[in-house]
Structures are given as C-alpha cells and as structure tokens.
Amino acid sequence: MPTTDDYGQGISIASLTDAPDAGKLAKDIVNAVAQRSILRFASATARGATLTGATAPVEGMLSWLQDVNRLDLYDGAGWVAVSVGASAWTTITPTSGWTQNGNSNGTFQYRILNISGEESVQFRGALGRSSYPTSPPGSYVVNNAALPTAARPSTLRTVVIPCSDVSSDRITLKMDVRTDGFLEVFGFGSSVKPPWVGFNGTIVSL
C-alpha cells in the first residue's frame, strides 16, 4: 500500500509490496510534484485549456504566465496575481501640438504594474505645449496611438493630473483613461492654456 511523504503534502509513495509498474511509479511521482511546483504556461488561455477535469486547479497552486511575466495563485475560487516580472517603461508618442519632457519632468511613458494582486497602469513624465488656439477645445487626446490592449482599463478611469499655473487659472486638469486606449485631458479654455501638464505618479486600475 502506498504511503505519503513526510512533509504532509499528500504525495503518494509506492511501497515494496505494490505490484511493480515503473511507468505508473514515474508518472505518480511527476504528477504529484508538478502540481506543487510552479507550473509554466504560455498564457492564461493555455493554462485554462490544460488545467481541466482531473488536472483542474486546486487551492494553493502557483502558475507562471510567460506572455505577461506574472506569477498567479489559485485561491480556491480563481487565479489571483501575486507577482510580476520587471515591467519596462514604454514611451507614449504625443499628438500634434504636444512635446515630450514638459517642465523638465521627463518623457511621457507608461508601464503595467501589479499592486496587491490587481493589475494597474502607471504613467510618468510630462508634456509641453508652446501655443494654443485663441479659444482652445475643452479637451485634448494626448497620445498619438492607443495603448495596447493589455494596458487598457476595463471601464473608464478618471484621475486628476497637475498642470502649470502659468497662463492658467487652474493647477490641475482631469484625465480620462479610456477603454479604447486613448488618454483625454479635460479643462482647457480661454484662461486655461498651461505650457505643460504632468503625469508623474498617476496610477489607474485595469
């Protein structure tokens, strides 16, 4: 009769009285150890297609997703992100009329973060603008191309961002991080024409 490991992990160990079966012995060991190690999958889709039926995920299981460089934990109800690999900053190309490094605050960039199991997108840097129309529109979309799907929120996220008080009655503006990946800044007007707007420390949930 098989016994279990000394660490209380429920890994079956064949005894000398069991019928010899080298194939079964090897498979039982590999399967028992594999589900208690960090499983690696190309993506969440690949993981879902593999861990079904007899190999369905169990509470405490860990997996690494290679496409997003993320470590997930199965908590008994679903997969929860517990860690991500290094997340590089990606430069955002501004729309016409805007320039990088406003107020010497650096290049306008974003990166994806994982905060307490929740994926978020963080921004940094600032944009400058040398001139406005006499009566500027109330808002400007400031990124030339949409953020990739992985960096788009599931619903509209609205945050407050700083702006210069030079040529502006306001020192803050509103930014919508839209579900289509575009960033729209609101609050401009005939008396609100700041030479720079900033994004340092801005974080929204995805």
C-alpha atoms as a PDB file:
ATOM      1  CA  MET A   1       0.000   0.000   0.000  1.00  0.00           C
ATOM      2  CA  PRO A   2       1.393   3.434  -0.906  1.00  0.00           C
ATOM      3  CA  THR A   3       2.448   5.757   1.866  1.00  0.00           C
ATOM      4  CA  THR A   4       2.639   9.553   1.833  1.00  0.00           C
ATOM      5  CA  ASP A   5       5.559  11.947   2.077  1.00  0.00           C
ATOM      6  CA  ASP A   6       6.983  13.129   5.406  1.00  0.00           C
ATOM      7  CA  TYR A   7       6.024  16.778   4.736  1.00  0.00           C
ATOM      8  CA  GLY A   8       2.268  16.279   4.829  1.00  0.00           C
ATOM      9  CA  GLN A   9       1.803  17.217   1.166  1.00  0.00           C
ATOM     10  CA  GLY A  10      -0.176  14.136   0.222  1.00  0.00           C
ATOM     11  CA  ILE A  11       2.371  12.836  -2.291  1.00  0.00           C
ATOM     12  CA  SER A  12       1.921   9.073  -2.621  1.00  0.00           C
ATOM     13  CA  ILE A  13       4.989   6.887  -2.393  1.00  0.00           C
ATOM     14  CA  ALA A  14       4.849   3.311  -3.658  1.00  0.00           C
ATOM     15  CA  SER A  15       5.730   0.622  -1.127  1.00  0.00           C
ATOM     16  CA  LEU A  16       7.764  -2.518  -1.767  1.00  0.00           C
ATOM     17  CA  THR A  17       4.599  -4.642  -1.572  1.00  0.00           C
ATOM     18  CA  ASP A  18       2.933  -2.858  -4.530  1.00  0.00           C
ATOM     19  CA  ALA A  19       2.893  -4.603  -7.891  1.00  0.00           C
ATOM     20  CA  PRO A  20       5.882  -3.425  -9.956  1.00  0.00           C
ATOM     21  CA  ASP A  21       4.947  -0.811 -12.568  1.00  0.00           C
ATOM     22  CA  ALA A  22       7.808   1.540 -13.443  1.00  0.00           C
ATOM     23  CA  GLY A  23       5.654   3.694 -15.736  1.00  0.00           C
ATOM     24  CA  LYS A  24       2.978   4.266 -13.109  1.00  0.00           C
ATOM     25  CA  LEU A  25       5.596   4.882 -10.443  1.00  0.00           C
ATOM     26  CA  ALA A  26       7.296   7.588 -12.500  1.00  0.00           C
ATOM     27  CA  LYS A  27       4.019   9.239 -13.521  1.00  0.00           C
ATOM     28  CA  ASP A  28       2.682   9.275  -9.952  1.00  0.00           C
ATOM     29  CA  ILE A  29       5.837  10.982  -8.733  1.00  0.00           C
ATOM     30  CA  VAL A  30       5.970  13.540 -11.564  1.00  0.00           C
ATOM     31  CA  ASN A  31       2.272  14.446 -11.359  1.00  0.00           C
ATOM     32  CA  ALA A  32       2.353  14.811  -7.592  1.00  0.00           C
ATOM     33  CA  VAL A  33       5.433  17.023  -7.599  1.00  0.00           C
ATOM     34  CA  ALA A  34       4.440  19.074 -10.684  1.00  0.00           C
ATOM     35  CA  GLN A  35       1.170  20.345  -9.234  1.00  0.00           C
ATOM     36  CA  ARG A  36       3.030  21.507  -6.129  1.00  0.00           C
ATOM     37  CA  SER A  37       5.708  23.339  -8.072  1.00  0.00           C
ATOM     38  CA  ILE A  38       5.304  26.495 -10.169  1.00  0.00           C
ATOM     39  CA  LEU A  39       3.535  25.497 -13.372  1.00  0.00           C
ATOM     40  CA  ARG A  40       4.532  27.376 -16.525  1.00  0.00           C
ATOM     41  CA  PHE A  41       2.148  28.264 -19.358  1.00  0.00           C
ATOM     42  CA  ALA A  42       2.383  30.433 -22.447  1.00  0.00           C
ATOM     43  CA  SER A  43      -0.758  32.344 -21.447  1.00  0.00           C
ATOM     44  CA  ALA A  44      -3.861  32.256 -19.256  1.00  0.00           C
ATOM     45  CA  THR A  45      -5.706  30.692 -22.201  1.00  0.00           C
ATOM     46  CA  ALA A  46      -3.180  27.870 -22.405  1.00  0.00           C
ATOM     47  CA  ARG A  47      -3.425  27.347 -18.647  1.00  0.00           C
ATOM     48  CA  GLY A  48      -7.216  27.154 -18.785  1.00  0.00           C
ATOM     49  CA  ALA A  49      -7.101  24.627 -21.606  1.00  0.00           C
ATOM     50  CA  THR A  50      -4.628  22.419 -19.707  1.00  0.00           C
ATOM     51  CA  LEU A  51      -5.923  22.537 -16.132  1.00  0.00           C
ATOM     52  CA  THR A  52      -9.316  20.889 -16.555  1.00  0.00           C
ATOM     53  CA  GLY A  53     -11.019  17.730 -15.360  1.00  0.00           C
ATOM     54  CA  ALA A  54      -8.686  15.561 -13.307  1.00  0.00           C
ATOM     55  CA  THR A  55      -5.979  18.237 -13.538  1.00  0.00           C
ATOM     56  CA  ALA A  56      -8.240  21.157 -12.548  1.00  0.00           C
ATOM     57  CA  PRO A  57      -6.503  23.752 -10.342  1.00  0.00           C
ATOM     58  CA  VAL A  58      -6.589  23.300  -6.572  1.00  0.00           C
ATOM     59  CA  GLU A  59      -6.178  25.866  -3.817  1.00  0.00           C
ATOM     60  CA  GLY A  60      -2.555  26.865  -3.293  1.00  0.00           C
ATOM     61  CA  MET A  61      -1.429  26.049  -6.836  1.00  0.00           C
ATOM     62  CA  LEU A  62       1.010  28.506  -8.467  1.00  0.00           C
ATOM     63  CA  SER A  63       1.488  29.230 -12.155  1.00  0.00           C
ATOM     64  CA  TRP A  64       3.748  31.475 -14.222  1.00  0.00           C
ATOM     65  CA  LEU A  65       2.318  33.093 -17.369  1.00  0.00           C
ATOM     66  CA  GLN A  66       5.066  33.700 -19.891  1.00  0.00           C
ATOM     67  CA  ASP A  67       3.246  36.245 -22.074  1.00  0.00           C
ATOM     68  CA  VAL A  68       2.720  38.726 -19.221  1.00  0.00           C
ATOM     69  CA  ASN A  69       5.574  37.602 -16.918  1.00  0.00           C
ATOM     70  CA  ARG A  70       3.212  37.041 -13.978  1.00  0.00           C
ATOM     71  CA  LEU A  71       3.019  34.646 -11.048  1.00  0.00           C
ATOM     72  CA  ASP A  72      -0.564  33.649 -10.143  1.00  0.00           C
ATOM     73  CA  LEU A  73      -2.014  31.844  -7.124  1.00  0.00           C
ATOM     74  CA  TYR A  74      -5.200  29.778  -7.231  1.00  0.00           C
ATOM     75  CA  ASP A  75      -7.141  30.720  -4.090  1.00  0.00           C
ATOM     76  CA  GLY A  76      -9.849  28.092  -4.465  1.00  0.00           C
ATOM     77  CA  ALA A  77     -12.167  30.358  -6.451  1.00  0.00           C
ATOM     78  CA  GLY A  78      -9.932  31.793  -9.159  1.00  0.00           C
ATOM     79  CA  TRP A  79      -6.434  32.829 -10.167  1.00  0.00           C
ATOM     80  CA  VAL A  80      -5.018  35.865  -8.348  1.00  0.00           C
ATOM     81  CA  ALA A  81      -1.850  37.633  -9.476  1.00  0.00           C
ATOM     82  CA  VAL A  82       0.790  37.700  -6.741  1.00  0.00           C
ATOM     83  CA  SER A  83       3.830  38.984  -8.600  1.00  0.00           C
ATOM     84  CA  VAL A  84       5.041  40.252 -11.949  1.00  0.00           C
ATOM     85  CA  GLY A  85       8.424  40.390 -13.568  1.00  0.00           C
ATOM     86  CA  ALA A  86      10.238  43.594 -14.420  1.00  0.00           C
ATOM     87  CA  SER A  87       7.868  45.949 -16.204  1.00  0.00           C
ATOM     88  CA  ALA A  88       9.692  48.226 -18.601  1.00  0.00           C
ATOM     89  CA  TRP A  89       8.580  51.791 -19.238  1.00  0.00           C
ATOM     90  CA  THR A  90       7.165  52.383 -22.708  1.00  0.00           C
ATOM     91  CA  THR A  91       7.231  55.825 -24.320  1.00  0.00           C
ATOM     92  CA  ILE A  92       3.915  57.331 -25.404  1.00  0.00           C
ATOM     93  CA  THR A  93       4.098  59.384 -28.611  1.00  0.00           C
ATOM     94  CA  PRO A  94       2.092  62.594 -28.131  1.00  0.00           C
ATOM     95  CA  THR A  95      -0.378  64.044 -30.597  1.00  0.00           C
ATOM     96  CA  SER A  96       0.426  67.087 -32.709  1.00  0.00           C
ATOM     97  CA  GLY A  97       0.997  70.254 -30.699  1.00  0.00           C
ATOM     98  CA  TRP A  98       2.418  68.450 -27.679  1.00  0.00           C
ATOM     99  CA  THR A  99       6.101  67.798 -26.950  1.00  0.00           C
ATOM    100  CA  GLN A 100       7.928  65.499 -24.555  1.00  0.00           C
ATOM    101  CA  ASN A 101       9.596  66.489 -21.268  1.00  0.00           C
ATOM    102  CA  GLY A 102       7.269  69.302 -20.255  1.00  0.00           C
ATOM    103  CA  ASN A 103       8.672  71.318 -17.334  1.00  0.00           C
ATOM    104  CA  SER A 104      11.751  69.026 -17.463  1.00  0.00           C
ATOM    105  CA  ASN A 105       9.661  66.225 -15.926  1.00  0.00           C
ATOM    106  CA  GLY A 106      10.830  63.565 -18.339  1.00  0.00           C
ATOM    107  CA  THR A 107       9.374  61.620 -21.239  1.00  0.00           C
ATOM    108  CA  PHE A 108       5.684  60.693 -21.169  1.00  0.00           C
ATOM    109  CA  GLN A 109       5.625  56.915 -20.532  1.00  0.00           C
ATOM    110  CA  TYR A 110       3.555  54.075 -19.079  1.00  0.00           C
ATOM    111  CA  ARG A 111       4.095  50.650 -17.574  1.00  0.00           C
ATOM    112  CA  ILE A 112       1.875  47.856 -16.250  1.00  0.00           C
ATOM    113  CA  LEU A 113       2.057  47.135 -12.515  1.00  0.00           C
ATOM    114  CA  ASN A 114       0.582  44.568 -10.164  1.00  0.00           C
ATOM    115  CA  ILE A 115      -0.469  46.052  -6.837  1.00  0.00           C
ATOM    116  CA  SER A 116      -1.780  43.616  -4.212  1.00  0.00           C
ATOM    117  CA  GLY A 117      -2.977  41.259  -6.920  1.00  0.00           C
ATOM    118  CA  GLU A 118      -4.602  43.962  -9.028  1.00  0.00           C
ATOM    119  CA  GLU A 119      -3.203  44.939 -12.405  1.00  0.00           C
ATOM    120  CA  SER A 120      -2.771  48.666 -12.960  1.00  0.00           C
ATOM    121  CA  VAL A 121      -1.167  51.053 -15.417  1.00  0.00           C
ATOM    122  CA  GLN A 122       1.197  53.775 -14.193  1.00  0.00           C
ATOM    123  CA  PHE A 123       2.236  56.950 -16.007  1.00  0.00           C
ATOM    124  CA  ARG A 124       5.192  59.286 -15.627  1.00  0.00           C
ATOM    125  CA  GLY A 125       6.748  62.299 -17.340  1.00  0.00           C
ATOM    126  CA  ALA A 126       5.097  65.425 -18.707  1.00  0.00           C
ATOM    127  CA  LEU A 127       4.046  67.042 -21.963  1.00  0.00           C
ATOM    128  CA  GLY A 128       4.681  70.605 -23.057  1.00  0.00           C
ATOM    129  CA  ARG A 129       2.772  72.898 -25.376  1.00  0.00           C
ATOM    130  CA  SER A 130       4.094  76.166 -26.811  1.00  0.00           C
ATOM    131  CA  SER A 131       0.813  77.611 -28.072  1.00  0.00           C
ATOM    132  CA  TYR A 132      -2.954  77.194 -28.065  1.00  0.00           C
ATOM    133  CA  PRO A 133      -5.762  78.489 -30.250  1.00  0.00           C
ATOM    134  CA  THR A 134      -7.436  81.677 -29.021  1.00  0.00           C
ATOM    135  CA  SER A 135     -10.359  79.549 -27.906  1.00  0.00           C
ATOM    136  CA  PRO A 136      -8.961  76.046 -27.335  1.00  0.00           C
ATOM    137  CA  PRO A 137     -11.218  73.000 -27.173  1.00  0.00           C
ATOM    138  CA  GLY A 138     -12.217  71.826 -23.731  1.00  0.00           C
ATOM    139  CA  SER A 139     -10.195  68.611 -24.077  1.00  0.00           C
ATOM    140  CA  TYR A 140      -7.265  67.093 -25.965  1.00  0.00           C
ATOM    141  CA  VAL A 141      -6.428  63.450 -26.672  1.00  0.00           C
ATOM    142  CA  VAL A 142      -2.702  63.446 -25.913  1.00  0.00           C
ATOM    143  CA  ASN A 143      -1.487  60.053 -27.189  1.00  0.00           C
ATOM    144  CA  ASN A 144      -0.967  59.594 -30.917  1.00  0.00           C
ATOM    145  CA  ALA A 145      -1.686  55.842 -30.829  1.00  0.00           C
ATOM    146  CA  ALA A 146      -3.897  53.821 -28.499  1.00  0.00           C
ATOM    147  CA  LEU A 147      -2.301  51.985 -25.606  1.00  0.00           C
ATOM    148  CA  PRO A 148      -2.083  48.219 -26.223  1.00  0.00           C
ATOM    149  CA  THR A 149      -4.980  46.067 -25.086  1.00  0.00           C
ATOM    150  CA  ALA A 150      -3.085  44.852 -22.002  1.00  0.00           C
ATOM    151  CA  ALA A 151      -2.776  48.465 -20.773  1.00  0.00           C
ATOM    152  CA  ARG A 152      -6.424  49.467 -21.295  1.00  0.00           C
ATOM    153  CA  PRO A 153      -8.816  49.601 -18.327  1.00  0.00           C
ATOM    154  CA  SER A 154     -11.987  47.527 -18.269  1.00  0.00           C
ATOM    155  CA  THR A 155     -14.012  50.697 -17.669  1.00  0.00           C
ATOM    156  CA  LEU A 156     -13.365  54.421 -17.912  1.00  0.00           C
ATOM    157  CA  ARG A 157     -10.893  55.683 -15.278  1.00  0.00           C
ATOM    158  CA  THR A 158     -10.838  59.379 -14.396  1.00  0.00           C
ATOM    159  CA  VAL A 159      -7.928  60.943 -12.487  1.00  0.00           C
ATOM    160  CA  VAL A 160      -6.594  64.385 -11.619  1.00  0.00           C
ATOM    161  CA  ILE A 161      -3.240  65.482 -13.072  1.00  0.00           C
ATOM    162  CA  PRO A 162      -1.168  68.644 -12.412  1.00  0.00           C
ATOM    163  CA  CYS A 163      -0.551  71.479 -14.837  1.00  0.00           C
ATOM    164  CA  SER A 164       1.362  74.744 -14.842  1.00  0.00           C
ATOM    165  CA  ASP A 165      -0.187  77.781 -13.195  1.00  0.00           C
ATOM    166  CA  VAL A 166       1.446  79.954 -15.849  1.00  0.00           C
ATOM    167  CA  SER A 167      -1.197  81.146 -18.339  1.00  0.00           C
ATOM    168  CA  SER A 168      -3.725  79.050 -16.478  1.00  0.00           C
ATOM    169  CA  ASP A 169      -6.413  79.742 -13.889  1.00  0.00           C
ATOM    170  CA  ARG A 170      -6.103  76.103 -12.823  1.00  0.00           C
ATOM    171  CA  ILE A 171      -3.251  73.981 -11.476  1.00  0.00           C
ATOM    172  CA  THR A 172      -4.986  70.635 -12.103  1.00  0.00           C
ATOM    173  CA  LEU A 173      -6.782  69.057 -15.034  1.00  0.00           C
ATOM    174  CA  LYS A 174      -8.847  65.900 -15.468  1.00  0.00           C
ATOM    175  CA  MET A 175      -7.591  62.924 -17.485  1.00  0.00           C
ATOM    176  CA  ASP A 176      -9.805  60.097 -18.729  1.00  0.00           C
ATOM    177  CA  VAL A 177      -8.008  56.812 -19.352  1.00  0.00           C
ATOM    178  CA  ARG A 178     -10.425  55.387 -21.884  1.00  0.00           C
ATOM    179  CA  THR A 179     -11.244  51.770 -22.643  1.00  0.00           C
ATOM    180  CA  ASP A 180     -10.132  52.273 -26.253  1.00  0.00           C
ATOM    181  CA  GLY A 181      -6.592  53.077 -25.070  1.00  0.00           C
ATOM    182  CA  PHE A 182      -6.688  56.831 -25.592  1.00  0.00           C
ATOM    183  CA  LEU A 183      -5.876  59.431 -22.931  1.00  0.00           C
ATOM    184  CA  GLU A 184      -8.074  62.512 -22.965  1.00  0.00           C
ATOM    185  CA  VAL A 185      -7.238  65.560 -20.848  1.00  0.00           C
ATOM    186  CA  PHE A 186     -10.055  67.987 -19.930  1.00  0.00           C
ATOM    187  CA  GLY A 187     -10.211  71.517 -18.525  1.00  0.00           C
ATOM    188  CA  PHE A 188      -8.707  73.761 -21.195  1.00  0.00           C
ATOM    189  CA  GLY A 189     -10.239  77.081 -22.099  1.00  0.00           C
ATOM    190  CA  SER A 190      -9.542  80.705 -22.939  1.00  0.00           C
ATOM    191  CA  SER A 191      -7.993  81.221 -19.490  1.00  0.00           C
ATOM    192  CA  VAL A 192      -6.537  77.712 -19.121  1.00  0.00           C
ATOM    193  CA  LYS A 193      -3.597  77.344 -21.509  1.00  0.00           C
ATOM    194  CA  PRO A 194      -0.851  75.717 -19.401  1.00  0.00           C
ATOM    195  CA  PRO A 195       2.572  75.291 -21.044  1.00  0.00           C
ATOM    196  CA  TRP A 196       2.869  71.813 -19.501  1.00  0.00           C
ATOM    197  CA  VAL A 197       0.772  69.010 -17.993  1.00  0.00           C
ATOM    198  CA  GLY A 198       2.248  66.269 -15.812  1.00  0.00           C
ATOM    199  CA  PHE A 199       1.600  62.574 -15.256  1.00  0.00           C
ATOM    200  CA  ASN A 200       4.098  61.505 -12.567  1.00  0.00           C
ATOM    201  CA  GLY A 201       2.641  59.056 -10.040  1.00  0.00           C
ATOM    202  CA  THR A 202      -0.667  58.633 -11.878  1.00  0.00           C
ATOM    203  CA  ILE A 203      -1.953  55.045 -11.490  1.00  0.00           C
ATOM    204  CA  VAL A 204      -5.288  53.553 -12.559  1.00  0.00           C
ATOM    205  CA  SER A 205      -6.707  50.062 -12.189  1.00  0.00           C
ATOM    206  CA  LEU A 206      -7.116  47.935 -15.301  1.00  0.00           C
END
